[in-house]
Amino acid sequence: MLKTVKPYMRFIVYTFLISVVSMLISYASTIVGKYVVDDATNGIINLRNMAWMCGTMLVSILISVFSSIISSYISEKFSFSLRKKFFNDIQRSVWLDISKMHSGDLVTRLTSDIGSISDGLITIIPQTILICTQLLIAFFILFYYDKKIALFALILGPVGALCLVIFRERYKKYQAKLRKSESEYRSFMQENLSNLTVIKAFGREDANDAQMEAFRKKRLGLVFKNARLSAAMSAIMRLVYSIGYVVAFCWGSYRISTGDITYGTLTIFITLVAQVQGSISSLASIVPQYYSMLVSAKRITSVIDLPKEEYIGATTMPQAVGLEVEDVSFAYDTAIILKHLNLQVNAGEKIAVIGPSGAGKTTLVRLLLALTKPTRGSMHYVFENAQKETIYPDARRYISYVPQGNTLISGSIADNLRIGSPDADEAEMLHALKLASADRFVNALPQGLETMLSEKSGGISEGQAQRIAIARALIGEKPVLILDEATSALDEKTETVILKNITENLQDKTCFIITHRKSMLQYCDRVLEIAEDGTAEIRPI
């Protein structure tokens, strides 16, 4: 976290120095106020001192406003930088590890937790130093005028801090539970909202309302306990503050009665003791924020520390790609999915992958995409010059992939197509749409390629969304194409047109077609059948 904030340290130091100047001006105003009171006690109206007092107060306010604006700006820049880094870490993490976490929980960490860390690092470090500096200056000024009251004010600080230490562990525990509960209900809401059709179809509205009520009760209980603890901490600090204020007032009154100090000195006593206690009170508010930051930092670093994908730095784009699989097995934990798979695929071959549900077809796709690694054995992509490359994440640069289901993003149709090829022009997009049998309905839309799609491809049918996803994979003209149940939402006629277009126009492209439909086998050269026990057999059509 500190490494991430390093580029912003210069701005933080500037803000801190501005706050120090504001603080010194505030103390100067307090001292000038003493002479104003003493002059008034002697029947003298010193306009110059009054003007100085008003001027310093005004400058202090202006500096405070400026400092607040700068702090907000820095905080936003830093928090976004931290979110960007964390988002990148999520994307670069090993798929198998990050996929175990709920997206709602990750969003909570991206928003609430990073917000807590950002506020903490931008605020806590400079504020703590500032408050300690403020305490020291106030102590020395008090010590100059009255040693006893200064020592008394100094003693109260550790007393208040000790009280905070007593509550520390309980506060950290409640903060951790609150963060966890926030992730739980956000994950619940996100998952149900993204599957609203299923919720309505099965009449789950009332059940979900009851679940939300259970989340509400659980969270309210935690909030109440946390608020109760915070109130107890605050009450103790206020008690310490009140004791200090009363003692300073009484001691000052006594010193006035003995003629040892003036009324002006009394105002310094009261003002500085109030500032000392105010500083202690500020520390009291920083302590909960500090513990909240620690809890959030732990949640963030648990994700940042996940293993990252290994890239070999390959940049070449081969023209033709085959596949060599030697004795590959794969298991999720102890569940064996694939056993001793051996496979040789020539560049340009069309391979159908069939088998019962759960047999390992999707697992094979993940292995081809380097989302997972084989438990044993080796997998290589083979280029036209017989050069081999172990399947690393770099291999995705020459793979086009059409996953199961609706995978379009919010934005225009053109935006979705450019995911496959960022530099694609309109002619390339229309060609890809034609191959995917999607050109007619896209051209018939009032805005054509610029038609905006909402979440879950709102505005078009499932079959149309699937054809755009196929076009997105074809537009890049990459040498390997993976179709994972890519035509499941299409009628037989449209499916036939698309597969004919692929086999006739993309003869050099190596294709893996995962399917349950036997009608698709006629467009393939060979079929790889995976059995329920994880064994596989490759044979001609």
Protein backbone atom coordinates (compact mmCIF):
# COMPACT_ATOMS: atom_id res chain seq x y z
CA MET A 1 0.00 0.00 0.00
CA LEU A 2 2.80 2.41 0.90
CA LYS A 3 4.55 1.58 -2.38
CA THR A 4 1.40 2.51 -4.27
CA VAL A 5 1.05 5.83 -2.46
CA LYS A 6 4.72 6.74 -3.07
CA PRO A 7 4.10 8.75 -6.30
CA TYR A 8 1.67 10.95 -4.36
CA MET A 9 3.93 11.59 -1.37
CA ARG A 10 4.97 14.98 -2.73
CA PHE A 11 1.36 16.18 -2.74
CA ILE A 12 0.75 14.68 0.70
CA VAL A 13 3.80 16.53 2.05
CA TYR A 14 2.52 19.78 0.52
CA THR A 15 -0.87 19.26 2.16
CA PHE A 16 0.82 18.47 5.46
CA LEU A 17 2.97 21.62 5.31
CA ILE A 18 -0.10 23.71 4.51
CA SER A 19 -1.84 22.21 7.55
CA VAL A 20 1.20 22.99 9.70
CA VAL A 21 1.14 26.63 8.54
CA SER A 22 -2.60 26.76 9.32
CA MET A 23 -1.94 25.31 12.78
CA LEU A 24 0.86 27.81 13.55
CA ILE A 25 -1.37 30.68 12.46
CA SER A 26 -4.08 29.33 14.75
CA TYR A 27 -1.66 29.31 17.69
CA ALA A 28 -0.50 32.83 16.78
CA SER A 29 -4.14 33.91 16.88
CA THR A 30 -4.47 32.39 20.37
CA ILE A 31 -1.41 34.27 21.66
CA VAL A 32 -2.57 37.55 20.08
CA GLY A 33 -5.92 36.94 21.75
CA LYS A 34 -4.19 36.95 25.14
CA TYR A 35 -2.90 40.48 24.58
CA VAL A 36 -6.30 41.66 23.34
CA VAL A 37 -7.91 40.40 26.57
CA ASP A 38 -5.14 41.83 28.77
CA ASP A 39 -5.41 45.21 27.02
CA ALA A 40 -9.18 45.18 27.47
CA THR A 41 -8.76 44.33 31.18
CA ASN A 42 -6.61 47.44 31.52
CA GLY A 43 -9.18 49.56 29.67
CA ILE A 44 -7.20 49.65 26.42
CA ILE A 45 -8.71 48.85 23.04
CA ASN A 46 -5.81 47.71 20.84
CA LEU A 47 -7.21 47.73 17.30
CA ARG A 48 -3.98 46.49 15.80
CA ASN A 49 -3.98 43.31 17.90
CA MET A 50 -7.69 42.82 17.16
CA ALA A 51 -6.95 43.19 13.45
CA TRP A 52 -4.09 40.68 13.73
CA MET A 53 -6.37 38.27 15.57
CA CYS A 54 -9.14 38.55 12.95
CA GLY A 55 -6.63 38.34 10.10
CA THR A 56 -4.93 35.21 11.38
CA MET A 57 -8.30 33.54 11.93
CA LEU A 58 -9.39 34.38 8.38
CA VAL A 59 -6.11 33.15 6.84
CA SER A 60 -6.35 29.94 8.88
CA ILE A 61 -9.86 29.31 7.53
CA LEU A 62 -8.82 29.97 3.92
CA ILE A 63 -5.80 27.69 4.21
CA SER A 64 -8.01 24.99 5.74
CA VAL A 65 -10.44 25.22 2.81
CA PHE A 66 -7.59 25.05 0.27
CA SER A 67 -6.05 22.10 2.10
CA SER A 68 -9.40 20.26 2.10
CA ILE A 69 -9.77 20.70 -1.68
CA ILE A 70 -6.23 19.46 -2.36
CA SER A 71 -6.72 16.48 -0.03
CA SER A 72 -9.93 15.46 -1.82
CA TYR A 73 -8.19 15.68 -5.19
CA ILE A 74 -5.21 13.62 -4.03
CA SER A 75 -7.47 11.06 -2.34
CA GLU A 76 -9.47 10.52 -5.53
CA LYS A 77 -6.32 10.19 -7.68
CA PHE A 78 -4.79 7.74 -5.25
CA SER A 79 -7.94 5.66 -4.73
CA PHE A 80 -8.44 5.33 -8.50
CA SER A 81 -4.78 4.39 -8.91
CA LEU A 82 -5.16 1.75 -6.21
CA ARG A 83 -8.37 0.45 -7.80
CA LYS A 84 -6.66 0.25 -11.17
CA LYS A 85 -3.78 -1.73 -9.67
CA PHE A 86 -6.12 -4.06 -7.80
CA PHE A 87 -8.31 -4.53 -10.90
CA ASN A 88 -5.19 -5.40 -12.89
CA ASP A 89 -4.12 -7.89 -10.19
CA ILE A 90 -7.55 -9.55 -10.42
CA GLN A 91 -7.23 -9.85 -14.21
CA ARG A 92 -3.69 -11.22 -14.00
CA SER A 93 -4.38 -13.74 -11.22
CA VAL A 94 -4.51 -17.44 -12.00
CA TRP A 95 -8.05 -18.14 -13.20
CA LEU A 96 -8.61 -21.17 -10.98
CA ASP A 97 -7.85 -19.14 -7.82
CA ILE A 98 -9.73 -15.95 -8.67
CA SER A 99 -12.77 -17.85 -9.98
CA LYS A 100 -13.39 -19.20 -6.48
CA MET A 101 -14.24 -15.69 -5.28
CA HIS A 102 -17.66 -14.17 -5.84
CA SER A 103 -17.72 -11.19 -8.20
CA GLY A 104 -19.85 -9.26 -5.68
CA ASP A 105 -17.17 -9.76 -3.03
CA LEU A 106 -14.49 -8.55 -5.45
CA VAL A 107 -16.55 -5.46 -6.28
CA THR A 108 -16.92 -4.72 -2.55
CA ARG A 109 -13.15 -4.93 -2.16
CA LEU A 110 -12.69 -2.70 -5.22
CA THR A 111 -15.03 -0.05 -3.81
CA SER A 112 -15.48 -0.02 -0.03
CA ASP A 113 -12.19 -1.59 1.00
CA ILE A 114 -10.02 0.44 -1.34
CA GLY A 115 -11.94 3.58 -0.31
CA SER A 116 -11.09 2.81 3.31
CA ILE A 117 -7.40 2.24 2.47
CA SER A 118 -7.21 5.38 0.36
CA ASP A 119 -8.77 7.58 3.04
CA GLY A 120 -6.54 5.96 5.62
CA LEU A 121 -3.21 6.41 3.87
CA ILE A 122 -4.00 9.90 2.60
CA THR A 123 -5.45 11.05 5.94
CA ILE A 124 -4.08 8.96 8.79
CA ILE A 125 -0.33 9.35 8.20
CA PRO A 126 -0.20 13.15 7.74
CA GLN A 127 -2.95 13.78 10.29
CA THR A 128 -1.23 11.68 12.95
CA ILE A 129 2.04 13.56 12.42
CA LEU A 130 0.17 16.87 12.40
CA ILE A 131 -1.71 16.07 15.60
CA CYS A 132 1.49 14.98 17.37
CA THR A 133 3.18 18.21 16.20
CA GLN A 134 0.18 20.18 17.40
CA LEU A 135 0.34 18.47 20.79
CA LEU A 136 4.02 19.27 21.19
CA ILE A 137 3.65 22.94 20.28
CA ALA A 138 0.61 23.32 22.54
CA PHE A 139 2.48 21.61 25.37
CA PHE A 140 5.52 23.91 25.09
CA ILE A 141 3.35 27.03 24.95
CA LEU A 142 1.45 25.86 28.02
CA PHE A 143 4.71 24.91 29.70
CA TYR A 144 6.00 28.42 29.09
CA TYR A 145 3.05 29.97 30.90
CA ASP A 146 2.37 27.28 33.53
CA LYS A 147 4.36 24.06 34.01
CA LYS A 148 1.75 22.31 36.16
CA ILE A 149 -1.18 22.72 33.76
CA ALA A 150 1.05 21.61 30.86
CA LEU A 151 2.11 18.43 32.66
CA PHE A 152 -1.50 17.73 33.61
CA ALA A 153 -2.62 18.09 29.98
CA LEU A 154 0.23 15.80 28.92
CA ILE A 155 -0.79 13.07 31.38
CA LEU A 156 -4.37 13.02 30.10
CA GLY A 157 -3.21 12.02 26.60
CA PRO A 158 -1.81 8.56 27.51
CA VAL A 159 -4.83 7.96 29.76
CA GLY A 160 -7.15 8.45 26.78
CA ALA A 161 -4.89 6.39 24.52
CA LEU A 162 -4.85 3.53 27.05
CA CYS A 163 -8.64 3.45 26.98
CA LEU A 164 -8.54 3.10 23.20
CA VAL A 165 -6.07 0.22 23.38
CA ILE A 166 -8.46 -1.65 25.68
CA PHE A 167 -11.16 -1.60 22.97
CA ARG A 168 -8.79 -2.23 20.04
CA GLU A 169 -9.25 -5.96 19.42
CA ARG A 170 -13.02 -5.85 19.78
CA TYR A 171 -13.22 -2.96 17.31
CA LYS A 172 -11.05 -4.78 14.77
CA LYS A 173 -13.27 -7.86 15.10
CA TYR A 174 -16.45 -5.87 14.43
CA GLN A 175 -14.85 -4.13 11.45
CA ALA A 176 -13.90 -7.48 9.92
CA LYS A 177 -17.43 -8.81 10.42
CA LEU A 178 -18.97 -5.66 8.94
CA ARG A 179 -16.79 -5.93 5.82
CA LYS A 180 -17.72 -9.59 5.45
CA SER A 181 -21.43 -8.89 5.84
CA GLU A 182 -21.20 -6.12 3.24
CA SER A 183 -19.62 -8.54 0.77
CA GLU A 184 -22.31 -11.13 1.50
CA TYR A 185 -25.33 -8.93 0.83
CA ARG A 186 -23.71 -7.23 -2.18
CA SER A 187 -22.88 -10.61 -3.69
CA PHE A 188 -26.45 -11.77 -3.05
CA MET A 189 -27.95 -8.68 -4.70
CA GLN A 190 -25.60 -8.75 -7.69
CA GLU A 191 -26.16 -12.44 -8.38
CA ASN A 192 -29.93 -12.22 -8.14
CA LEU A 193 -30.19 -9.04 -10.21
CA SER A 194 -28.07 -10.59 -12.95
CA ASN A 195 -30.39 -13.61 -12.97
CA LEU A 196 -33.68 -11.73 -12.65
CA THR A 197 -35.39 -13.87 -15.29
CA VAL A 198 -34.73 -17.02 -13.27
CA ILE A 199 -35.92 -15.31 -10.07
CA LYS A 200 -39.20 -14.33 -11.70
CA ALA A 201 -39.66 -17.67 -13.46
CA PHE A 202 -39.40 -19.58 -10.18
CA GLY A 203 -41.28 -17.01 -8.11
CA ARG A 204 -38.35 -16.34 -5.79
CA GLU A 205 -39.26 -12.71 -5.03
CA ASP A 206 -40.67 -13.39 -1.55
CA ALA A 207 -37.84 -15.76 -0.66
CA ASN A 208 -35.31 -13.14 -1.72
CA ASP A 209 -37.10 -10.50 0.33
CA ALA A 210 -36.83 -12.79 3.35
CA GLN A 211 -33.13 -13.35 2.64
CA MET A 212 -32.53 -9.61 2.38
CA GLU A 213 -34.34 -9.14 5.70
CA ALA A 214 -32.02 -11.73 7.26
CA PHE A 215 -29.01 -9.82 5.88
CA ARG A 216 -30.49 -6.58 7.25
CA LYS A 217 -30.97 -8.00 10.75
CA LYS A 218 -27.48 -9.49 10.82
CA ARG A 219 -25.88 -6.25 9.61
CA LEU A 220 -27.96 -4.06 11.94
CA GLY A 221 -26.81 -6.19 14.86
CA LEU A 222 -23.18 -5.71 13.87
CA VAL A 223 -23.67 -1.99 13.23
CA PHE A 224 -25.33 -1.59 16.63
CA LYS A 225 -22.49 -3.39 18.44
CA ASN A 226 -19.89 -1.39 16.50
CA ALA A 227 -21.73 1.89 17.20
CA ARG A 228 -22.03 0.99 20.87
CA LEU A 229 -18.31 0.34 21.08
CA SER A 230 -17.52 3.58 19.18
CA ALA A 231 -19.84 5.50 21.49
CA ALA A 232 -18.08 4.05 24.54
CA MET A 233 -14.70 5.05 23.12
CA SER A 234 -15.99 8.53 22.29
CA ALA A 235 -17.56 8.93 25.73
CA ILE A 236 -14.29 8.10 27.46
CA MET A 237 -12.41 10.59 25.31
CA ARG A 238 -15.03 13.26 25.99
CA LEU A 239 -14.75 12.58 29.70
CA VAL A 240 -10.98 12.99 29.50
CA TYR A 241 -11.48 16.19 27.48
CA SER A 242 -14.01 17.56 29.97
CA ILE A 243 -11.77 16.81 32.93
CA GLY A 244 -8.90 18.63 31.27
CA TYR A 245 -11.06 21.63 30.40
CA VAL A 246 -12.57 21.91 33.90
CA VAL A 247 -9.18 21.54 35.59
CA ALA A 248 -7.63 24.18 33.29
CA PHE A 249 -10.53 26.57 33.95
CA CYS A 250 -10.45 26.06 37.74
CA TRP A 251 -6.67 26.24 37.95
CA GLY A 252 -6.61 29.39 35.84
CA SER A 253 -9.32 30.97 37.97
CA TYR A 254 -7.33 30.15 41.09
CA ARG A 255 -4.16 31.68 39.60
CA ILE A 256 -6.09 34.83 38.71
CA SER A 257 -7.39 35.08 42.27
CA THR A 258 -3.82 34.95 43.59
CA GLY A 259 -2.71 37.51 41.02
CA ASP A 260 -0.23 35.10 39.40
CA ILE A 261 -1.71 35.33 35.90
CA THR A 262 -3.84 37.70 33.84
CA TYR A 263 -7.21 37.05 32.23
CA GLY A 264 -5.42 36.85 28.89
CA THR A 265 -3.24 34.02 30.17
CA LEU A 266 -6.43 32.25 31.33
CA THR A 267 -7.76 32.39 27.77
CA ILE A 268 -4.51 30.76 26.59
CA PHE A 269 -4.95 28.02 29.20
CA ILE A 270 -8.50 27.29 28.13
CA THR A 271 -7.83 27.54 24.39
CA LEU A 272 -4.65 25.46 24.39
CA VAL A 273 -6.01 22.80 26.73
CA ALA A 274 -9.04 22.63 24.45
CA GLN A 275 -6.70 22.25 21.47
CA VAL A 276 -4.65 19.58 23.24
CA GLN A 277 -7.78 17.65 24.14
CA GLY A 278 -9.16 18.29 20.67
CA SER A 279 -6.01 16.74 19.23
CA ILE A 280 -6.45 13.74 21.48
CA SER A 281 -10.07 13.55 20.38
CA SER A 282 -8.91 13.66 16.74
CA LEU A 283 -6.56 10.78 17.46
CA ALA A 284 -9.53 8.94 18.92
CA SER A 285 -11.38 9.32 15.63
CA ILE A 286 -8.30 8.27 13.65
CA VAL A 287 -7.87 5.05 15.63
CA PRO A 288 -11.13 3.44 14.37
CA GLN A 289 -10.28 4.60 10.85
CA TYR A 290 -6.86 3.02 11.24
CA TYR A 291 -8.31 -0.34 12.31
CA SER A 292 -10.84 -0.18 9.48
CA MET A 293 -7.96 0.42 7.06
CA LEU A 294 -6.04 -2.56 8.46
CA VAL A 295 -9.04 -4.86 7.96
CA SER A 296 -9.53 -3.58 4.41
CA ALA A 297 -5.82 -3.86 3.63
CA LYS A 298 -5.86 -7.49 4.74
CA ARG A 299 -8.82 -8.19 2.44
CA ILE A 300 -7.11 -6.48 -0.49
CA THR A 301 -3.69 -8.10 -0.02
CA SER A 302 -5.31 -11.56 0.22
CA VAL A 303 -6.30 -11.06 -3.43
CA ILE A 304 -3.11 -9.26 -4.52
CA ASP A 305 -1.07 -12.16 -3.11
CA LEU A 306 -2.86 -14.74 -5.28
CA PRO A 307 -0.53 -16.42 -7.80
CA LYS A 308 -0.25 -14.54 -11.08
CA GLU A 309 -0.29 -15.98 -14.58
CA GLU A 310 3.10 -16.65 -16.16
CA TYR A 311 3.81 -14.99 -19.49
CA ILE A 312 6.81 -15.93 -21.62
CA GLY A 313 6.80 -12.68 -23.58
CA ALA A 314 6.04 -14.18 -26.99
CA THR A 315 4.88 -11.64 -29.58
CA THR A 316 4.88 -13.46 -32.92
CA MET A 317 1.61 -14.35 -34.67
CA PRO A 318 1.93 -17.72 -36.45
CA GLN A 319 0.00 -18.29 -39.68
CA ALA A 320 -0.97 -21.87 -38.88
CA VAL A 321 -1.20 -23.64 -35.53
CA GLY A 322 -1.59 -27.29 -34.61
CA LEU A 323 -1.78 -29.00 -31.23
CA GLU A 324 0.21 -31.73 -29.47
CA VAL A 325 -1.12 -33.24 -26.24
CA GLU A 326 0.93 -35.90 -24.46
CA ASP A 327 -0.42 -37.96 -21.56
CA VAL A 328 -2.39 -35.05 -20.06
CA SER A 329 -4.46 -35.54 -16.94
CA PHE A 330 -6.31 -32.93 -14.95
CA ALA A 331 -8.03 -32.89 -11.57
CA TYR A 332 -9.91 -30.23 -9.59
CA ASP A 333 -8.64 -30.90 -6.06
CA THR A 334 -9.22 -34.68 -5.86
CA ALA A 335 -11.84 -34.94 -8.62
CA ILE A 336 -10.18 -36.36 -11.75
CA ILE A 337 -11.65 -34.82 -14.91
CA LEU A 338 -9.30 -35.89 -17.72
CA LYS A 339 -7.12 -39.03 -17.83
CA HIS A 340 -4.07 -39.70 -20.00
CA LEU A 341 -5.23 -37.61 -22.97
CA ASN A 342 -3.06 -37.93 -26.09
CA LEU A 343 -3.88 -35.86 -29.15
CA GLN A 344 -2.23 -34.67 -32.36
CA VAL A 345 -4.08 -31.95 -34.32
CA ASN A 346 -2.75 -30.65 -37.61
CA ALA A 347 -3.02 -26.99 -38.54
CA GLY A 348 -6.35 -26.31 -40.26
CA GLU A 349 -8.10 -29.39 -38.87
CA LYS A 350 -11.65 -29.13 -37.55
CA ILE A 351 -12.03 -31.19 -34.36
CA ALA A 352 -15.42 -31.90 -32.80
CA VAL A 353 -15.32 -32.47 -29.03
CA ILE A 354 -18.25 -34.46 -27.69
CA GLY A 355 -19.20 -36.27 -24.51
CA PRO A 356 -21.74 -36.26 -21.67
CA SER A 357 -22.15 -33.22 -19.44
CA GLY A 358 -19.39 -32.97 -16.84
CA ALA A 359 -17.05 -35.24 -18.78
CA GLY A 360 -14.37 -32.56 -19.21
CA LYS A 361 -15.12 -30.74 -22.48
CA THR A 362 -15.07 -27.29 -20.84
CA THR A 363 -11.97 -28.31 -18.88
CA LEU A 364 -10.23 -29.05 -22.17
CA VAL A 365 -11.17 -25.55 -23.39
CA ARG A 366 -9.67 -24.02 -20.25
CA LEU A 367 -6.48 -25.99 -20.82
CA LEU A 368 -6.31 -24.78 -24.43
CA LEU A 369 -6.76 -21.19 -23.21
CA ALA A 370 -4.12 -21.68 -20.47
CA LEU A 371 -6.70 -20.79 -17.83
CA THR A 372 -5.58 -23.93 -16.02
CA LYS A 373 -2.52 -26.18 -16.21
CA PRO A 374 -2.45 -29.96 -16.62
CA THR A 375 -2.00 -31.92 -13.43
CA ARG A 376 0.40 -34.09 -15.41
CA GLY A 377 1.57 -34.35 -19.01
CA SER A 378 2.34 -31.60 -21.52
CA MET A 379 0.48 -29.49 -24.09
CA HIS A 380 2.12 -27.62 -26.98
CA TYR A 381 0.93 -25.55 -29.87
CA VAL A 382 2.82 -26.53 -33.03
CA PHE A 383 3.66 -23.93 -35.73
CA GLU A 384 4.22 -24.36 -39.47
CA ASN A 385 8.00 -24.67 -39.04
CA ALA A 386 7.55 -27.53 -36.54
CA GLN A 387 8.42 -25.16 -33.70
CA LYS A 388 6.58 -25.96 -30.49
CA GLU A 389 5.36 -23.63 -27.78
CA THR A 390 4.16 -24.78 -24.36
CA ILE A 391 0.65 -23.50 -23.77
CA TYR A 392 1.14 -20.33 -21.72
CA PRO A 393 -1.25 -17.37 -21.36
CA ASP A 394 0.67 -15.78 -24.27
CA ALA A 395 -1.01 -18.34 -26.55
CA ARG A 396 -4.32 -16.50 -26.24
CA ARG A 397 -3.01 -13.91 -28.68
CA TYR A 398 -3.76 -16.29 -31.56
CA ILE A 399 -6.97 -17.87 -30.24
CA SER A 400 -10.51 -16.71 -30.94
CA TYR A 401 -13.05 -18.03 -28.46
CA VAL A 402 -16.84 -18.17 -28.39
CA PRO A 403 -17.93 -19.22 -24.89
CA GLN A 404 -21.25 -20.66 -23.84
CA GLY A 405 -24.15 -18.33 -23.10
CA ASN A 406 -24.59 -14.62 -23.59
CA THR A 407 -21.18 -12.95 -23.33
CA LEU A 408 -21.71 -9.56 -24.99
CA ILE A 409 -20.91 -6.43 -22.99
CA SER A 410 -22.84 -3.20 -22.56
CA GLY A 411 -22.06 -0.87 -25.45
CA SER A 412 -22.55 -0.78 -29.20
CA ILE A 413 -22.37 -3.78 -31.52
CA ALA A 414 -19.20 -2.24 -32.96
CA ASP A 415 -17.69 -2.03 -29.48
CA ASN A 416 -18.31 -5.75 -29.00
CA LEU A 417 -16.79 -6.64 -32.36
CA ARG A 418 -13.67 -4.58 -31.64
CA ILE A 419 -12.97 -6.81 -28.65
CA GLY A 420 -11.94 -9.38 -31.26
CA SER A 421 -9.91 -6.85 -33.25
CA PRO A 422 -9.43 -3.35 -31.79
CA ASP A 423 -8.38 -1.85 -35.15
CA ALA A 424 -11.17 -3.39 -37.24
CA ASP A 425 -12.83 -1.06 -39.73
CA GLU A 426 -16.47 -1.15 -40.85
CA ALA A 427 -15.77 -3.39 -43.85
CA GLU A 428 -14.05 -6.00 -41.64
CA MET A 429 -16.90 -5.90 -39.16
CA LEU A 430 -19.52 -6.41 -41.88
CA HIS A 431 -17.51 -9.31 -43.34
CA ALA A 432 -17.32 -11.04 -39.96
CA LEU A 433 -21.05 -10.46 -39.42
CA LYS A 434 -21.75 -12.02 -42.81
CA LEU A 435 -19.73 -15.13 -41.93
CA ALA A 436 -21.73 -15.36 -38.69
CA SER A 437 -25.03 -14.89 -40.57
CA ALA A 438 -25.64 -11.70 -38.58
CA ASP A 439 -25.24 -9.04 -41.26
CA ARG A 440 -28.90 -8.86 -42.29
CA PHE A 441 -30.42 -8.25 -38.88
CA VAL A 442 -27.62 -5.80 -37.89
CA ASN A 443 -28.07 -3.79 -41.10
CA ALA A 444 -31.83 -3.75 -40.48
CA LEU A 445 -31.36 -2.06 -37.10
CA PRO A 446 -31.94 1.74 -37.22
CA GLN A 447 -28.42 2.46 -35.98
CA GLY A 448 -26.73 -0.58 -37.48
CA LEU A 449 -23.28 -1.24 -35.99
CA GLU A 450 -23.76 1.63 -33.54
CA THR A 451 -26.86 0.04 -31.98
CA MET A 452 -26.40 0.18 -28.22
CA LEU A 453 -26.83 -3.02 -26.20
CA SER A 454 -27.65 -2.95 -22.51
CA GLU A 455 -26.54 -5.53 -19.93
CA LYS A 456 -27.18 -9.13 -21.01
CA SER A 457 -27.53 -7.90 -24.62
CA GLY A 458 -30.82 -6.17 -23.98
CA GLY A 459 -32.44 -5.14 -27.25
CA ILE A 460 -31.66 -8.26 -29.29
CA SER A 461 -32.51 -11.97 -29.01
CA GLU A 462 -30.28 -14.70 -27.56
CA GLY A 463 -29.69 -16.12 -31.03
CA GLN A 464 -28.71 -12.71 -32.40
CA ALA A 465 -26.36 -12.14 -29.46
CA GLN A 466 -24.76 -15.52 -30.10
CA ARG A 467 -24.17 -14.68 -33.78
CA ILE A 468 -22.51 -11.37 -32.83
CA ALA A 469 -20.28 -13.31 -30.41
CA ILE A 470 -19.29 -15.63 -33.26
CA ALA A 471 -18.55 -12.61 -35.48
CA ARG A 472 -16.43 -11.17 -32.67
CA ALA A 473 -14.31 -14.34 -32.73
CA LEU A 474 -14.03 -14.41 -36.53
CA ILE A 475 -13.06 -10.77 -37.02
CA GLY A 476 -9.56 -11.20 -35.62
CA GLU A 477 -8.59 -13.81 -38.24
CA LYS A 478 -6.56 -15.68 -35.64
CA PRO A 479 -5.29 -19.16 -36.53
CA VAL A 480 -7.20 -21.03 -33.78
CA LEU A 481 -10.94 -20.93 -33.18
CA ILE A 482 -12.71 -22.48 -30.18
CA LEU A 483 -16.50 -22.77 -30.33
CA ASP A 484 -17.91 -23.89 -26.97
CA GLU A 485 -21.59 -24.72 -27.61
CA ALA A 486 -21.49 -21.57 -29.75
CA THR A 487 -24.64 -22.35 -31.75
CA SER A 488 -26.85 -23.67 -28.94
CA ALA A 489 -29.33 -20.77 -29.30
CA LEU A 490 -29.52 -21.02 -33.11
CA ASP A 491 -31.90 -22.93 -35.33
CA GLU A 492 -30.53 -25.73 -37.48
CA LYS A 493 -30.65 -23.71 -40.72
CA THR A 494 -28.67 -20.75 -39.30
CA GLU A 495 -26.22 -23.13 -37.66
CA THR A 496 -25.63 -24.87 -40.99
CA VAL A 497 -24.96 -21.57 -42.79
CA ILE A 498 -22.43 -20.45 -40.16
CA LEU A 499 -20.54 -23.75 -40.09
CA LYS A 500 -20.41 -23.85 -43.90
CA ASN A 501 -19.02 -20.32 -43.93
CA ILE A 502 -16.33 -21.28 -41.40
CA THR A 503 -15.27 -24.49 -43.16
CA GLU A 504 -15.33 -22.99 -46.66
CA ASN A 505 -13.86 -19.54 -45.96
CA LEU A 506 -11.53 -20.31 -43.08
CA GLN A 507 -9.88 -23.51 -44.24
CA ASP A 508 -6.49 -22.66 -42.66
CA LYS A 509 -8.05 -22.02 -39.24
CA THR A 510 -7.72 -24.81 -36.67
CA CYS A 511 -11.11 -25.28 -35.00
CA PHE A 512 -12.23 -27.02 -31.83
CA ILE A 513 -16.02 -27.34 -31.82
CA ILE A 514 -17.48 -28.39 -28.47
CA THR A 515 -21.00 -29.62 -29.06
CA HIS A 516 -23.82 -31.96 -28.11
CA ARG A 517 -25.32 -31.85 -31.62
CA LYS A 518 -24.39 -34.72 -33.93
CA SER A 519 -25.42 -32.56 -36.91
CA MET A 520 -22.26 -30.51 -36.46
CA LEU A 521 -19.95 -33.51 -36.91
CA GLN A 522 -20.31 -33.41 -40.72
CA TYR A 523 -18.33 -30.17 -40.77
CA CYS A 524 -15.41 -31.64 -38.81
CA ASP A 525 -12.46 -33.80 -39.85
CA ARG A 526 -12.26 -35.86 -36.66
CA VAL A 527 -14.12 -36.23 -33.39
CA LEU A 528 -12.68 -36.34 -29.88
CA GLU A 529 -15.05 -38.16 -27.56
CA ILE A 530 -14.52 -37.73 -23.81
CA ALA A 531 -16.11 -40.37 -21.59
CA GLU A 532 -17.56 -39.87 -18.12
CA ASP A 533 -14.47 -41.41 -16.50
CA GLY A 534 -12.22 -38.77 -18.15
CA THR A 535 -10.70 -41.01 -20.81
CA ALA A 536 -10.86 -39.84 -24.41
CA GLU A 537 -10.71 -41.30 -27.92
CA ILE A 538 -9.97 -39.49 -31.18
CA ARG A 539 -11.38 -40.98 -34.41
CA PRO A 540 -12.35 -39.97 -37.95
CA ILE A 541 -15.89 -38.82 -38.62
